[in-house]
Amino acid sequence: MANPRFFGKKDLDTFDRVNKELIGDLNNANSGIIDQTVIVYKISASNTETNMYGETSDGKVFKPGVEIACLVEAEDMAFNTDEFGPDLRQNATFSFVRQSLRDLSLVLEIGDVVEWFTAYWEITNINENQLVGGQYKQLDGQHIHSVICSANLLRRSNLNIEEVRSI
């Protein structure tokens, strides 16, 4: 196991600074070298009307989106054709710097929607197990370096996200 004295606050800040320079930090108007951004939509539980079974007939209602920089890895598209016609399927992985999420007070959850490349993706799995220096005994979460989300492509007809046009 790595010695904790070699992974102090300054070292963690250096890792975060380098990653924000590479990926980007939109909170501080830094686009970064990779310059990939997504918009994350959180579910608005108070505005989503449900029946007594916890189901909604009008669909989920989302809060306004938050733009954040991340790395995106999308799989190849797959088409499934059945009696209802063709259906497009695709999976993607969105990797965020955890400190960037903390700076925005954004907590990602399963069911949140990510907009990327003119499509919407529903988060189906979240991993926060990339540790700096392999140190797992730090319960404050400072050594957790990234948040990696697996997502599936959604149909636009299943969403209540309004696109606003501006001049």
N, C-alpha and C. Protein backbone atom coordinates (compact mmCIF):
# COMPACT_ATOMS: atom_id res chain seq x y z
N MET A 1 0.84 -1.18 0.00
CA MET A 1 0.00 0.00 0.00
C MET A 1 0.89 1.24 0.00
N ALA A 2 0.50 2.26 -0.71
CA ALA A 2 1.27 3.49 -0.81
C ALA A 2 1.27 4.23 0.52
N ASN A 3 2.35 4.90 0.75
CA ASN A 3 2.49 5.67 1.98
C ASN A 3 1.69 6.96 1.88
N PRO A 4 0.82 7.25 2.84
CA PRO A 4 -0.05 8.42 2.73
C PRO A 4 0.68 9.74 2.70
N ARG A 5 1.91 9.78 3.21
CA ARG A 5 2.60 11.07 3.23
C ARG A 5 3.00 11.53 1.84
N PHE A 6 2.99 10.62 0.85
CA PHE A 6 3.35 10.99 -0.50
C PHE A 6 2.15 11.42 -1.34
N PHE A 7 0.97 11.36 -0.77
CA PHE A 7 -0.22 11.79 -1.48
C PHE A 7 -1.01 12.74 -0.60
N GLY A 8 -0.44 13.88 -0.38
CA GLY A 8 -1.09 14.89 0.45
C GLY A 8 -1.99 15.79 -0.36
N LYS A 9 -2.44 16.84 0.26
CA LYS A 9 -3.36 17.80 -0.36
C LYS A 9 -2.75 18.45 -1.60
N LYS A 10 -1.47 18.80 -1.53
CA LYS A 10 -0.81 19.43 -2.68
C LYS A 10 -0.76 18.48 -3.88
N ASP A 11 -0.49 17.21 -3.62
CA ASP A 11 -0.44 16.24 -4.71
C ASP A 11 -1.82 16.07 -5.35
N LEU A 12 -2.84 15.97 -4.53
CA LEU A 12 -4.19 15.84 -5.07
C LEU A 12 -4.60 17.07 -5.86
N ASP A 13 -4.24 18.24 -5.38
CA ASP A 13 -4.54 19.47 -6.11
C ASP A 13 -3.81 19.51 -7.46
N THR A 14 -2.58 18.98 -7.49
CA THR A 14 -1.83 18.92 -8.74
C THR A 14 -2.52 17.99 -9.74
N PHE A 15 -2.97 16.82 -9.28
CA PHE A 15 -3.70 15.91 -10.17
C PHE A 15 -4.95 16.58 -10.73
N ASP A 16 -5.69 17.25 -9.87
CA ASP A 16 -6.92 17.92 -10.32
C ASP A 16 -6.61 19.04 -11.30
N ARG A 17 -5.56 19.83 -11.03
CA ARG A 17 -5.20 20.94 -11.91
C ARG A 17 -4.81 20.44 -13.29
N VAL A 18 -3.98 19.38 -13.34
CA VAL A 18 -3.55 18.83 -14.63
C VAL A 18 -4.75 18.27 -15.41
N ASN A 19 -5.64 17.57 -14.71
CA ASN A 19 -6.81 17.01 -15.39
C ASN A 19 -7.76 18.09 -15.87
N LYS A 20 -7.90 19.16 -15.10
CA LYS A 20 -8.77 20.25 -15.54
C LYS A 20 -8.16 20.97 -16.74
N GLU A 21 -6.81 21.05 -16.82
CA GLU A 21 -6.18 21.63 -17.99
C GLU A 21 -6.37 20.74 -19.21
N LEU A 22 -6.37 19.45 -19.01
CA LEU A 22 -6.52 18.51 -20.11
C LEU A 22 -7.98 18.39 -20.56
N ILE A 23 -8.87 18.12 -19.62
CA ILE A 23 -10.28 17.90 -19.95
C ILE A 23 -11.04 19.22 -20.06
N GLY A 24 -10.77 20.15 -19.17
CA GLY A 24 -11.44 21.44 -19.16
C GLY A 24 -12.10 21.70 -17.83
N ASP A 25 -12.33 22.96 -17.54
CA ASP A 25 -12.99 23.38 -16.31
C ASP A 25 -13.91 24.54 -16.67
N LEU A 26 -15.14 24.22 -17.04
CA LEU A 26 -16.07 25.25 -17.49
C LEU A 26 -16.48 26.19 -16.37
N ASN A 27 -16.33 25.74 -15.13
CA ASN A 27 -16.65 26.59 -13.98
C ASN A 27 -15.75 27.82 -13.94
N ASN A 28 -14.53 27.68 -14.45
CA ASN A 28 -13.57 28.79 -14.49
C ASN A 28 -13.28 29.23 -15.92
N ALA A 29 -14.18 28.96 -16.85
CA ALA A 29 -14.08 29.37 -18.26
C ALA A 29 -12.81 28.86 -18.92
N ASN A 30 -12.42 27.61 -18.62
CA ASN A 30 -11.26 26.98 -19.24
C ASN A 30 -11.76 25.82 -20.08
N SER A 31 -11.57 25.90 -21.39
CA SER A 31 -12.12 24.87 -22.27
C SER A 31 -11.26 23.60 -22.28
N GLY A 32 -10.00 23.68 -21.96
CA GLY A 32 -9.14 22.50 -21.91
C GLY A 32 -8.66 22.07 -23.28
N ILE A 33 -7.75 21.11 -23.28
CA ILE A 33 -7.16 20.62 -24.53
C ILE A 33 -8.14 19.70 -25.26
N ILE A 34 -8.78 18.79 -24.54
CA ILE A 34 -9.71 17.84 -25.17
C ILE A 34 -11.01 18.53 -25.55
N ASP A 35 -11.52 19.39 -24.71
CA ASP A 35 -12.67 20.25 -25.01
C ASP A 35 -13.92 19.47 -25.42
N GLN A 36 -14.29 18.47 -24.62
CA GLN A 36 -15.56 17.77 -24.80
C GLN A 36 -16.48 18.18 -23.67
N THR A 37 -17.67 18.61 -24.01
CA THR A 37 -18.62 19.00 -22.98
C THR A 37 -19.92 18.25 -23.16
N VAL A 38 -20.62 18.08 -22.06
CA VAL A 38 -21.94 17.46 -22.06
C VAL A 38 -22.85 18.33 -21.19
N ILE A 39 -24.14 18.11 -21.32
CA ILE A 39 -25.12 18.79 -20.45
C ILE A 39 -25.81 17.71 -19.64
N VAL A 40 -25.80 17.88 -18.32
CA VAL A 40 -26.40 16.90 -17.42
C VAL A 40 -27.73 17.45 -16.93
N TYR A 41 -28.79 16.64 -17.05
CA TYR A 41 -30.12 17.00 -16.59
C TYR A 41 -30.48 16.11 -15.40
N LYS A 42 -30.81 16.74 -14.28
CA LYS A 42 -31.24 16.02 -13.08
C LYS A 42 -32.77 15.92 -13.08
N ILE A 43 -33.28 14.83 -12.55
CA ILE A 43 -34.72 14.64 -12.44
C ILE A 43 -35.27 15.57 -11.37
N SER A 44 -36.37 16.24 -11.69
CA SER A 44 -37.06 17.09 -10.72
C SER A 44 -38.18 16.27 -10.09
N ALA A 45 -37.91 15.69 -8.93
CA ALA A 45 -38.89 14.82 -8.28
C ALA A 45 -40.13 15.60 -7.85
N SER A 46 -39.96 16.87 -7.49
CA SER A 46 -41.11 17.65 -7.02
C SER A 46 -42.06 18.03 -8.17
N ASN A 47 -41.56 18.11 -9.39
CA ASN A 47 -42.39 18.49 -10.52
C ASN A 47 -42.89 17.30 -11.34
N THR A 48 -42.40 16.11 -11.05
CA THR A 48 -42.83 14.91 -11.75
C THR A 48 -44.02 14.31 -11.01
N GLU A 49 -45.16 14.28 -11.67
CA GLU A 49 -46.37 13.76 -11.04
C GLU A 49 -46.42 12.25 -11.23
N THR A 50 -46.64 11.54 -10.12
CA THR A 50 -46.73 10.09 -10.16
C THR A 50 -48.08 9.63 -9.63
N ASN A 51 -48.45 8.41 -10.03
CA ASN A 51 -49.69 7.84 -9.51
C ASN A 51 -49.36 7.05 -8.24
N MET A 52 -50.33 6.32 -7.72
CA MET A 52 -50.12 5.62 -6.46
C MET A 52 -49.12 4.47 -6.56
N TYR A 53 -48.76 4.08 -7.78
CA TYR A 53 -47.77 3.02 -7.99
C TYR A 53 -46.37 3.59 -8.22
N GLY A 54 -46.22 4.90 -8.18
CA GLY A 54 -44.93 5.53 -8.44
C GLY A 54 -44.60 5.66 -9.90
N GLU A 55 -45.60 5.51 -10.76
CA GLU A 55 -45.40 5.63 -12.20
C GLU A 55 -45.88 6.99 -12.66
N THR A 56 -45.33 7.45 -13.77
CA THR A 56 -45.75 8.73 -14.33
C THR A 56 -46.27 8.52 -15.75
N SER A 57 -47.42 9.10 -16.04
CA SER A 57 -47.98 8.95 -17.38
C SER A 57 -47.45 10.03 -18.33
N ASP A 58 -47.06 11.18 -17.78
CA ASP A 58 -46.58 12.28 -18.62
C ASP A 58 -45.07 12.26 -18.80
N GLY A 59 -44.36 11.34 -18.18
CA GLY A 59 -42.91 11.27 -18.28
C GLY A 59 -42.25 12.08 -17.17
N LYS A 60 -40.96 11.88 -17.04
CA LYS A 60 -40.19 12.57 -16.02
C LYS A 60 -40.00 14.03 -16.41
N VAL A 61 -39.91 14.88 -15.39
CA VAL A 61 -39.63 16.30 -15.61
C VAL A 61 -38.22 16.55 -15.10
N PHE A 62 -37.44 17.30 -15.87
CA PHE A 62 -36.04 17.52 -15.53
C PHE A 62 -35.77 18.97 -15.17
N LYS A 63 -34.79 19.18 -14.32
CA LYS A 63 -34.31 20.52 -13.98
C LYS A 63 -33.49 21.05 -15.16
N PRO A 64 -33.24 22.35 -15.19
CA PRO A 64 -32.38 22.89 -16.27
C PRO A 64 -31.02 22.21 -16.27
N GLY A 65 -30.44 22.05 -17.44
CA GLY A 65 -29.18 21.34 -17.59
C GLY A 65 -27.98 22.11 -17.10
N VAL A 66 -26.94 21.36 -16.74
CA VAL A 66 -25.67 21.92 -16.29
C VAL A 66 -24.60 21.43 -17.26
N GLU A 67 -23.86 22.37 -17.86
CA GLU A 67 -22.81 21.99 -18.80
C GLU A 67 -21.52 21.71 -18.03
N ILE A 68 -20.86 20.59 -18.38
CA ILE A 68 -19.64 20.19 -17.69
C ILE A 68 -18.73 19.47 -18.69
N ALA A 69 -17.44 19.59 -18.47
CA ALA A 69 -16.46 18.93 -19.33
C ALA A 69 -16.25 17.49 -18.87
N CYS A 70 -16.05 16.60 -19.83
CA CYS A 70 -15.81 15.20 -19.49
C CYS A 70 -15.18 14.49 -20.70
N LEU A 71 -14.77 13.25 -20.47
CA LEU A 71 -14.32 12.38 -21.54
C LEU A 71 -15.48 11.48 -21.93
N VAL A 72 -15.66 11.28 -23.23
CA VAL A 72 -16.76 10.46 -23.71
C VAL A 72 -16.19 9.33 -24.57
N GLU A 73 -16.66 8.12 -24.29
CA GLU A 73 -16.29 6.97 -25.10
C GLU A 73 -17.58 6.28 -25.52
N ALA A 74 -17.90 6.39 -26.79
CA ALA A 74 -19.16 5.81 -27.30
C ALA A 74 -18.87 4.55 -28.09
N GLU A 75 -19.70 3.54 -27.86
CA GLU A 75 -19.60 2.30 -28.62
C GLU A 75 -20.22 2.49 -30.00
N ASP A 76 -20.04 1.52 -30.86
CA ASP A 76 -20.64 1.56 -32.18
C ASP A 76 -22.16 1.44 -32.07
N MET A 77 -22.85 2.04 -33.03
CA MET A 77 -24.31 1.95 -33.06
C MET A 77 -24.74 0.56 -33.53
N ALA A 78 -25.83 0.09 -32.96
CA ALA A 78 -26.39 -1.20 -33.36
C ALA A 78 -27.87 -0.99 -33.66
N PHE A 79 -28.32 -1.59 -34.74
CA PHE A 79 -29.72 -1.48 -35.12
C PHE A 79 -30.41 -2.82 -34.88
N ASN A 80 -31.58 -2.74 -34.29
CA ASN A 80 -32.40 -3.92 -34.06
C ASN A 80 -33.69 -3.70 -34.83
N THR A 81 -34.01 -4.61 -35.74
CA THR A 81 -35.23 -4.47 -36.54
C THR A 81 -36.21 -5.56 -36.14
N ASP A 82 -37.43 -5.13 -35.81
CA ASP A 82 -38.47 -6.09 -35.48
C ASP A 82 -39.77 -5.65 -36.15
N GLU A 83 -40.90 -6.18 -35.71
CA GLU A 83 -42.18 -5.85 -36.36
C GLU A 83 -42.56 -4.38 -36.21
N PHE A 84 -41.92 -3.65 -35.28
CA PHE A 84 -42.23 -2.23 -35.09
C PHE A 84 -41.29 -1.32 -35.87
N GLY A 85 -40.31 -1.89 -36.56
CA GLY A 85 -39.38 -1.10 -37.34
C GLY A 85 -38.00 -1.10 -36.72
N PRO A 86 -37.10 -0.30 -37.28
CA PRO A 86 -35.72 -0.28 -36.77
C PRO A 86 -35.62 0.47 -35.44
N ASP A 87 -34.70 0.01 -34.60
CA ASP A 87 -34.47 0.63 -33.30
C ASP A 87 -32.96 0.78 -33.13
N LEU A 88 -32.53 1.99 -32.87
CA LEU A 88 -31.11 2.28 -32.69
C LEU A 88 -30.70 2.07 -31.25
N ARG A 89 -29.61 1.37 -31.03
CA ARG A 89 -29.09 1.15 -29.68
C ARG A 89 -27.62 1.54 -29.67
N GLN A 90 -27.22 2.18 -28.56
CA GLN A 90 -25.83 2.56 -28.41
C GLN A 90 -25.55 2.80 -26.93
N ASN A 91 -24.37 2.40 -26.49
CA ASN A 91 -23.92 2.64 -25.12
C ASN A 91 -22.76 3.61 -25.15
N ALA A 92 -22.60 4.33 -24.05
CA ALA A 92 -21.49 5.28 -23.94
C ALA A 92 -21.02 5.32 -22.50
N THR A 93 -19.77 5.76 -22.33
CA THR A 93 -19.18 5.95 -21.02
C THR A 93 -18.77 7.41 -20.89
N PHE A 94 -19.22 8.06 -19.83
CA PHE A 94 -18.89 9.45 -19.56
C PHE A 94 -18.02 9.49 -18.31
N SER A 95 -16.81 10.06 -18.43
CA SER A 95 -15.87 10.11 -17.32
C SER A 95 -15.67 11.56 -16.89
N PHE A 96 -15.96 11.83 -15.61
CA PHE A 96 -15.88 13.17 -15.06
C PHE A 96 -14.78 13.24 -14.01
N VAL A 97 -14.13 14.39 -13.90
CA VAL A 97 -13.22 14.64 -12.78
C VAL A 97 -14.10 14.94 -11.57
N ARG A 98 -13.91 14.21 -10.51
CA ARG A 98 -14.80 14.32 -9.35
C ARG A 98 -14.78 15.73 -8.75
N GLN A 99 -13.61 16.38 -8.76
CA GLN A 99 -13.52 17.72 -8.19
C GLN A 99 -14.34 18.72 -9.00
N SER A 100 -14.45 18.53 -10.31
CA SER A 100 -15.28 19.41 -11.13
C SER A 100 -16.75 19.28 -10.74
N LEU A 101 -17.18 18.05 -10.45
CA LEU A 101 -18.55 17.85 -9.99
C LEU A 101 -18.76 18.50 -8.62
N ARG A 102 -17.78 18.39 -7.74
CA ARG A 102 -17.87 19.03 -6.42
C ARG A 102 -17.94 20.54 -6.54
N ASP A 103 -17.16 21.10 -7.46
CA ASP A 103 -17.16 22.56 -7.64
C ASP A 103 -18.54 23.07 -8.06
N LEU A 104 -19.28 22.25 -8.80
CA LEU A 104 -20.62 22.62 -9.26
C LEU A 104 -21.72 22.14 -8.31
N SER A 105 -21.34 21.46 -7.22
CA SER A 105 -22.30 20.85 -6.29
C SER A 105 -23.26 19.93 -7.04
N LEU A 106 -22.71 19.15 -7.95
CA LEU A 106 -23.49 18.25 -8.79
C LEU A 106 -23.20 16.81 -8.38
N VAL A 107 -24.24 16.11 -7.98
CA VAL A 107 -24.14 14.70 -7.63
C VAL A 107 -24.87 13.90 -8.70
N LEU A 108 -24.13 13.07 -9.42
CA LEU A 108 -24.73 12.26 -10.47
C LEU A 108 -25.41 11.05 -9.86
N GLU A 109 -26.58 10.71 -10.43
CA GLU A 109 -27.35 9.58 -9.94
C GLU A 109 -27.86 8.76 -11.13
N ILE A 110 -28.15 7.52 -10.86
CA ILE A 110 -28.73 6.66 -11.90
C ILE A 110 -30.09 7.24 -12.28
N GLY A 111 -30.34 7.36 -13.57
CA GLY A 111 -31.58 7.94 -14.07
C GLY A 111 -31.40 9.36 -14.59
N ASP A 112 -30.29 10.02 -14.24
CA ASP A 112 -30.02 11.35 -14.79
C ASP A 112 -29.76 11.21 -16.29
N VAL A 113 -29.98 12.30 -17.02
CA VAL A 113 -29.84 12.28 -18.47
C VAL A 113 -28.68 13.18 -18.88
N VAL A 114 -27.88 12.68 -19.82
CA VAL A 114 -26.72 13.41 -20.34
C VAL A 114 -26.99 13.70 -21.82
N GLU A 115 -26.81 14.96 -22.20
CA GLU A 115 -26.95 15.33 -23.62
C GLU A 115 -25.55 15.47 -24.22
N TRP A 116 -25.31 14.69 -25.27
CA TRP A 116 -24.03 14.75 -25.98
C TRP A 116 -24.25 14.37 -27.43
N PHE A 117 -23.63 15.09 -28.33
CA PHE A 117 -23.65 14.78 -29.76
C PHE A 117 -25.08 14.66 -30.28
N THR A 118 -25.88 15.64 -29.98
CA THR A 118 -27.28 15.76 -30.40
C THR A 118 -28.13 14.55 -30.00
N ALA A 119 -27.76 13.88 -28.93
CA ALA A 119 -28.52 12.73 -28.45
C ALA A 119 -28.59 12.79 -26.92
N TYR A 120 -29.52 12.03 -26.36
CA TYR A 120 -29.71 11.98 -24.92
C TYR A 120 -29.40 10.57 -24.42
N TRP A 121 -28.72 10.49 -23.30
CA TRP A 121 -28.26 9.24 -22.73
C TRP A 121 -28.71 9.16 -21.28
N GLU A 122 -29.26 8.02 -20.86
CA GLU A 122 -29.67 7.83 -19.47
C GLU A 122 -28.57 7.07 -18.73
N ILE A 123 -28.16 7.62 -17.59
CA ILE A 123 -27.13 6.98 -16.79
C ILE A 123 -27.70 5.72 -16.15
N THR A 124 -27.02 4.60 -16.38
CA THR A 124 -27.48 3.31 -15.85
C THR A 124 -26.54 2.74 -14.80
N ASN A 125 -25.32 3.24 -14.72
CA ASN A 125 -24.36 2.73 -13.75
C ASN A 125 -23.33 3.82 -13.44
N ILE A 126 -22.92 3.90 -12.17
CA ILE A 126 -21.93 4.90 -11.75
C ILE A 126 -20.84 4.20 -10.96
N ASN A 127 -19.59 4.46 -11.34
CA ASN A 127 -18.44 3.92 -10.61
C ASN A 127 -17.58 5.06 -10.10
N GLU A 128 -17.25 4.99 -8.83
CA GLU A 128 -16.34 5.96 -8.22
C GLU A 128 -15.23 5.20 -7.50
N ASN A 129 -14.54 4.34 -8.24
CA ASN A 129 -13.55 3.51 -7.60
C ASN A 129 -12.13 3.72 -8.11
N GLN A 130 -11.87 4.82 -8.80
CA GLN A 130 -10.51 5.14 -9.22
C GLN A 130 -9.88 5.97 -8.11
N LEU A 131 -8.94 5.36 -7.40
CA LEU A 131 -8.33 5.98 -6.23
C LEU A 131 -6.92 6.48 -6.57
N VAL A 132 -6.55 7.62 -6.01
CA VAL A 132 -5.21 8.14 -6.18
C VAL A 132 -4.30 7.44 -5.19
N GLY A 133 -3.27 6.79 -5.69
CA GLY A 133 -2.33 6.11 -4.83
C GLY A 133 -2.88 4.86 -4.18
N GLY A 134 -4.05 4.39 -4.60
CA GLY A 134 -4.63 3.18 -4.03
C GLY A 134 -5.09 3.33 -2.60
N GLN A 135 -5.24 4.55 -2.13
CA GLN A 135 -5.60 4.77 -0.73
C GLN A 135 -7.11 4.72 -0.57
N TYR A 136 -7.59 3.71 0.09
CA TYR A 136 -9.02 3.52 0.28
C TYR A 136 -9.47 3.87 1.68
N LYS A 137 -8.55 4.12 2.59
CA LYS A 137 -8.92 4.37 3.98
C LYS A 137 -9.33 5.81 4.23
N GLN A 138 -9.21 6.66 3.23
CA GLN A 138 -9.61 8.06 3.37
C GLN A 138 -11.12 8.14 3.17
N LEU A 139 -11.86 8.32 4.22
CA LEU A 139 -13.32 8.32 4.13
C LEU A 139 -13.89 9.65 3.68
N ASP A 140 -13.06 10.68 3.59
CA ASP A 140 -13.57 11.98 3.17
C ASP A 140 -13.78 12.08 1.67
N GLY A 141 -13.35 11.07 0.93
CA GLY A 141 -13.56 11.06 -0.51
C GLY A 141 -12.55 11.86 -1.29
N GLN A 142 -11.53 12.39 -0.65
CA GLN A 142 -10.53 13.20 -1.34
C GLN A 142 -9.70 12.38 -2.32
N HIS A 143 -9.52 11.11 -2.05
CA HIS A 143 -8.69 10.29 -2.92
C HIS A 143 -9.47 9.64 -4.06
N ILE A 144 -10.78 9.82 -4.08
CA ILE A 144 -11.57 9.34 -5.22
C ILE A 144 -11.39 10.37 -6.33
N HIS A 145 -10.86 9.90 -7.45
CA HIS A 145 -10.40 10.82 -8.47
C HIS A 145 -11.43 11.08 -9.57
N SER A 146 -12.20 10.06 -9.95
CA SER A 146 -13.10 10.24 -11.09
C SER A 146 -14.46 9.61 -10.81
N VAL A 147 -15.42 10.04 -11.60
CA VAL A 147 -16.76 9.47 -11.59
C VAL A 147 -17.01 9.00 -13.02
N ILE A 148 -17.20 7.69 -13.18
CA ILE A 148 -17.37 7.11 -14.50
C ILE A 148 -18.79 6.56 -14.61
N CYS A 149 -19.54 7.07 -15.59
CA CYS A 149 -20.94 6.71 -15.75
C CYS A 149 -21.15 5.95 -17.06
N SER A 150 -21.85 4.83 -16.96
CA SER A 150 -22.28 4.10 -18.15
C SER A 150 -23.69 4.56 -18.49
N ALA A 151 -23.96 4.70 -19.78
CA ALA A 151 -25.27 5.23 -20.18
C ALA A 151 -25.76 4.56 -21.45
N ASN A 152 -27.07 4.57 -21.63
CA ASN A 152 -27.73 4.03 -22.82
C ASN A 152 -28.41 5.17 -23.57
N LEU A 153 -28.44 5.04 -24.89
CA LEU A 153 -29.10 6.02 -25.74
C LEU A 153 -30.60 6.00 -25.50
N LEU A 154 -31.22 7.18 -25.40
CA LEU A 154 -32.66 7.31 -25.17
C LEU A 154 -33.35 7.83 -26.42
N ARG A 155 -34.62 7.55 -26.51
CA ARG A 155 -35.45 8.16 -27.55
C ARG A 155 -35.88 9.55 -27.07
N ARG A 156 -35.88 10.50 -27.95
CA ARG A 156 -36.32 11.86 -27.59
C ARG A 156 -37.78 11.89 -27.17
N SER A 157 -38.58 10.99 -27.68
CA SER A 157 -40.00 10.99 -27.35
C SER A 157 -40.25 10.61 -25.89
N ASN A 158 -39.26 10.02 -25.22
CA ASN A 158 -39.42 9.62 -23.83
C ASN A 158 -39.07 10.74 -22.86
N LEU A 159 -38.65 11.88 -23.35
CA LEU A 159 -38.15 12.96 -22.48
C LEU A 159 -39.08 14.17 -22.46
N ASN A 160 -39.00 14.92 -21.37
CA ASN A 160 -39.67 16.21 -21.25
C ASN A 160 -38.64 17.32 -21.12
N ILE A 161 -37.62 17.26 -21.95
CA ILE A 161 -36.58 18.29 -21.92
C ILE A 161 -36.85 19.22 -23.07
N GLU A 162 -37.06 20.49 -22.77
CA GLU A 162 -37.36 21.47 -23.80
C GLU A 162 -36.07 22.10 -24.29
N GLU A 163 -35.92 22.17 -25.58
CA GLU A 163 -34.78 22.87 -26.15
C GLU A 163 -35.19 24.32 -26.38
N VAL A 164 -34.37 25.23 -25.90
CA VAL A 164 -34.66 26.65 -26.02
C VAL A 164 -33.79 27.24 -27.12
N ARG A 165 -34.43 27.91 -28.06
CA ARG A 165 -33.69 28.58 -29.11
C ARG A 165 -33.39 30.00 -28.69
N SER A 166 -32.20 30.45 -28.99
CA SER A 166 -31.84 31.83 -28.67
C SER A 166 -31.16 32.45 -29.89
N ILE A 167 -31.19 33.75 -29.92
CA ILE A 167 -30.60 34.48 -31.07
C ILE A 167 -29.22 34.93 -30.70
